[in-house]
Amino acid sequence: MCEPYEMLANAIVLQAVEDYRRALRKLKSNPDYSPAIYTKREVERFFRSRWYAELTSVDPAILIRELKKEVA
C-alpha cells in the first residue's frame, strides 16, 4: 500500500509525463508551436532535476527516450 506522499510523488511524475506526451504530439504536427516547445523544455528540465530524483528512481534519460519513441 502506498503512503500518501508516495501517491503525491507518483501523481506529480505522471502529470509531467502526460504534459510531455501532449507537447510532443503538438510538435509532431506543428514543430514551431511555441507553447509546446516551452512545455517540452520545462518538463525535460524537471526530469533532470534533483526534485525529480527525489520523487522517483526512474532514469530520466530512458523515460524521455521512451516517450519520444512512443509519440514518433
N, C-alpha and C. Protein backbone atom coordinates (compact mmCIF):
# COMPACT_ATOMS: atom_id res chain seq x y z
N MET A 1 0.84 -1.19 0.00
CA MET A 1 0.00 0.00 0.00
C MET A 1 0.88 1.25 0.00
N CYS A 2 0.53 2.19 -0.84
CA CYS A 2 1.31 3.43 -0.95
C CYS A 2 0.95 4.40 0.16
N GLU A 3 1.97 5.07 0.64
CA GLU A 3 1.75 6.15 1.59
C GLU A 3 1.25 7.37 0.81
N PRO A 4 0.57 8.29 1.47
CA PRO A 4 0.05 9.47 0.76
C PRO A 4 1.14 10.27 0.02
N TYR A 5 2.32 10.39 0.63
CA TYR A 5 3.38 11.15 -0.05
C TYR A 5 3.87 10.42 -1.30
N GLU A 6 3.84 9.07 -1.29
CA GLU A 6 4.21 8.31 -2.48
C GLU A 6 3.17 8.50 -3.58
N MET A 7 1.91 8.55 -3.19
CA MET A 7 0.85 8.77 -4.17
C MET A 7 0.99 10.16 -4.79
N LEU A 8 1.33 11.15 -3.98
CA LEU A 8 1.53 12.50 -4.49
C LEU A 8 2.74 12.54 -5.43
N ALA A 9 3.84 11.92 -5.04
CA ALA A 9 5.03 11.88 -5.89
C ALA A 9 4.71 11.23 -7.23
N ASN A 10 3.99 10.12 -7.20
CA ASN A 10 3.61 9.43 -8.44
C ASN A 10 2.73 10.32 -9.31
N ALA A 11 1.78 11.02 -8.69
CA ALA A 11 0.89 11.89 -9.44
C ALA A 11 1.65 13.03 -10.11
N ILE A 12 2.64 13.58 -9.43
CA ILE A 12 3.45 14.67 -10.00
C ILE A 12 4.21 14.17 -11.23
N VAL A 13 4.85 13.02 -11.11
CA VAL A 13 5.62 12.47 -12.22
C VAL A 13 4.69 12.10 -13.37
N LEU A 14 3.55 11.49 -13.08
CA LEU A 14 2.61 11.11 -14.14
C LEU A 14 2.05 12.32 -14.87
N GLN A 15 1.81 13.41 -14.15
CA GLN A 15 1.34 14.63 -14.81
C GLN A 15 2.41 15.19 -15.73
N ALA A 16 3.65 15.15 -15.31
CA ALA A 16 4.75 15.62 -16.16
C ALA A 16 4.85 14.75 -17.41
N VAL A 17 4.69 13.44 -17.26
CA VAL A 17 4.74 12.54 -18.40
C VAL A 17 3.61 12.88 -19.38
N GLU A 18 2.42 13.10 -18.88
CA GLU A 18 1.29 13.43 -19.76
C GLU A 18 1.51 14.78 -20.44
N ASP A 19 2.01 15.76 -19.72
CA ASP A 19 2.31 17.07 -20.32
C ASP A 19 3.36 16.92 -21.43
N TYR A 20 4.37 16.08 -21.19
CA TYR A 20 5.43 15.86 -22.18
C TYR A 20 4.87 15.19 -23.42
N ARG A 21 4.05 14.15 -23.23
CA ARG A 21 3.42 13.48 -24.37
C ARG A 21 2.59 14.47 -25.20
N ARG A 22 1.80 15.26 -24.52
CA ARG A 22 0.94 16.23 -25.22
C ARG A 22 1.79 17.22 -26.02
N ALA A 23 2.86 17.72 -25.41
CA ALA A 23 3.74 18.66 -26.11
C ALA A 23 4.39 18.00 -27.33
N LEU A 24 4.86 16.78 -27.17
CA LEU A 24 5.48 16.08 -28.30
C LEU A 24 4.49 15.86 -29.44
N ARG A 25 3.26 15.51 -29.10
CA ARG A 25 2.23 15.32 -30.14
C ARG A 25 1.96 16.61 -30.89
N LYS A 26 1.86 17.71 -30.16
CA LYS A 26 1.62 19.00 -30.82
C LYS A 26 2.81 19.38 -31.71
N LEU A 27 4.02 19.12 -31.23
CA LEU A 27 5.20 19.45 -32.02
C LEU A 27 5.34 18.56 -33.25
N LYS A 28 4.81 17.38 -33.17
CA LYS A 28 4.85 16.48 -34.33
C LYS A 28 4.05 17.08 -35.49
N SER A 29 2.91 17.68 -35.18
CA SER A 29 2.08 18.27 -36.23
C SER A 29 2.44 19.73 -36.52
N ASN A 30 3.06 20.41 -35.55
CA ASN A 30 3.43 21.81 -35.74
C ASN A 30 4.74 22.08 -34.98
N PRO A 31 5.88 21.83 -35.61
CA PRO A 31 7.18 21.94 -34.93
C PRO A 31 7.52 23.34 -34.40
N ASP A 32 6.83 24.36 -34.86
CA ASP A 32 7.13 25.73 -34.42
C ASP A 32 6.16 26.25 -33.37
N TYR A 33 5.33 25.39 -32.81
CA TYR A 33 4.31 25.81 -31.84
C TYR A 33 4.98 26.15 -30.51
N SER A 34 5.08 27.43 -30.23
CA SER A 34 5.84 27.94 -29.09
C SER A 34 5.41 27.37 -27.73
N PRO A 35 4.12 27.31 -27.42
CA PRO A 35 3.75 26.75 -26.11
C PRO A 35 4.22 25.30 -25.92
N ALA A 36 4.17 24.51 -26.98
CA ALA A 36 4.63 23.12 -26.88
C ALA A 36 6.14 23.04 -26.73
N ILE A 37 6.85 23.92 -27.41
CA ILE A 37 8.31 23.97 -27.27
C ILE A 37 8.68 24.31 -25.83
N TYR A 38 7.99 25.30 -25.28
CA TYR A 38 8.24 25.71 -23.89
C TYR A 38 7.94 24.56 -22.92
N THR A 39 6.79 23.92 -23.09
CA THR A 39 6.42 22.82 -22.20
C THR A 39 7.43 21.69 -22.28
N LYS A 40 7.83 21.34 -23.49
CA LYS A 40 8.81 20.26 -23.68
C LYS A 40 10.10 20.58 -22.93
N ARG A 41 10.59 21.80 -23.06
CA ARG A 41 11.83 22.20 -22.39
C ARG A 41 11.69 22.17 -20.87
N GLU A 42 10.57 22.69 -20.38
CA GLU A 42 10.35 22.74 -18.94
C GLU A 42 10.23 21.35 -18.34
N VAL A 43 9.53 20.46 -19.01
CA VAL A 43 9.38 19.11 -18.50
C VAL A 43 10.72 18.37 -18.54
N GLU A 44 11.48 18.56 -19.61
CA GLU A 44 12.80 17.94 -19.67
C GLU A 44 13.69 18.46 -18.54
N ARG A 45 13.59 19.74 -18.24
CA ARG A 45 14.35 20.31 -17.13
C ARG A 45 13.92 19.67 -15.81
N PHE A 46 12.60 19.48 -15.64
CA PHE A 46 12.09 18.81 -14.45
C PHE A 46 12.62 17.38 -14.36
N PHE A 47 12.56 16.64 -15.48
CA PHE A 47 13.02 15.26 -15.48
C PHE A 47 14.49 15.15 -15.05
N ARG A 48 15.27 16.17 -15.32
CA ARG A 48 16.70 16.13 -14.99
C ARG A 48 17.02 16.81 -13.66
N SER A 49 15.99 17.21 -12.95
CA SER A 49 16.19 17.97 -11.71
C SER A 49 16.41 17.07 -10.50
N ARG A 50 16.93 17.68 -9.47
CA ARG A 50 17.12 16.99 -8.20
C ARG A 50 15.76 16.61 -7.60
N TRP A 51 14.76 17.47 -7.78
CA TRP A 51 13.43 17.19 -7.25
C TRP A 51 12.86 15.92 -7.87
N TYR A 52 12.97 15.78 -9.19
CA TYR A 52 12.51 14.56 -9.86
C TYR A 52 13.21 13.34 -9.26
N ALA A 53 14.49 13.43 -9.03
CA ALA A 53 15.25 12.32 -8.46
C ALA A 53 14.76 11.96 -7.06
N GLU A 54 14.24 12.94 -6.34
CA GLU A 54 13.67 12.67 -5.02
C GLU A 54 12.31 11.97 -5.13
N LEU A 55 11.60 12.24 -6.22
CA LEU A 55 10.25 11.69 -6.38
C LEU A 55 10.24 10.27 -6.91
N THR A 56 11.23 9.91 -7.72
CA THR A 56 11.22 8.61 -8.37
C THR A 56 12.63 8.13 -8.67
N SER A 57 12.75 6.85 -8.90
CA SER A 57 14.05 6.29 -9.28
C SER A 57 14.12 5.98 -10.77
N VAL A 58 13.09 6.36 -11.52
CA VAL A 58 13.07 6.13 -12.96
C VAL A 58 14.12 7.01 -13.63
N ASP A 59 14.97 6.39 -14.42
CA ASP A 59 16.04 7.12 -15.12
C ASP A 59 15.41 8.11 -16.11
N PRO A 60 15.72 9.40 -15.97
CA PRO A 60 15.09 10.39 -16.84
C PRO A 60 15.46 10.24 -18.31
N ALA A 61 16.69 9.85 -18.60
CA ALA A 61 17.11 9.69 -20.00
C ALA A 61 16.30 8.57 -20.67
N ILE A 62 16.10 7.50 -19.96
CA ILE A 62 15.30 6.39 -20.51
C ILE A 62 13.85 6.82 -20.68
N LEU A 63 13.32 7.52 -19.70
CA LEU A 63 11.93 7.98 -19.78
C LEU A 63 11.73 8.89 -20.99
N ILE A 64 12.61 9.86 -21.17
CA ILE A 64 12.50 10.79 -22.30
C ILE A 64 12.60 10.03 -23.61
N ARG A 65 13.57 9.13 -23.71
CA ARG A 65 13.74 8.35 -24.94
C ARG A 65 12.49 7.51 -25.25
N GLU A 66 11.94 6.86 -24.25
CA GLU A 66 10.77 6.01 -24.48
C GLU A 66 9.54 6.84 -24.85
N LEU A 67 9.37 7.98 -24.24
CA LEU A 67 8.24 8.83 -24.58
C LEU A 67 8.36 9.38 -26.01
N LYS A 68 9.58 9.72 -26.40
CA LYS A 68 9.78 10.19 -27.78
C LYS A 68 9.48 9.07 -28.78
N LYS A 69 9.91 7.84 -28.47
CA LYS A 69 9.63 6.70 -29.36
C LYS A 69 8.12 6.45 -29.43
N GLU A 70 7.46 6.55 -28.30
CA GLU A 70 6.02 6.32 -28.24
C GLU A 70 5.25 7.28 -29.13
N VAL A 71 5.66 8.53 -29.15
CA VAL A 71 4.94 9.56 -29.91
C VAL A 71 5.35 9.56 -31.38
N ALA A 72 6.56 9.10 -31.67
CA ALA A 72 7.07 9.12 -33.06
C ALA A 72 6.27 8.26 -34.00
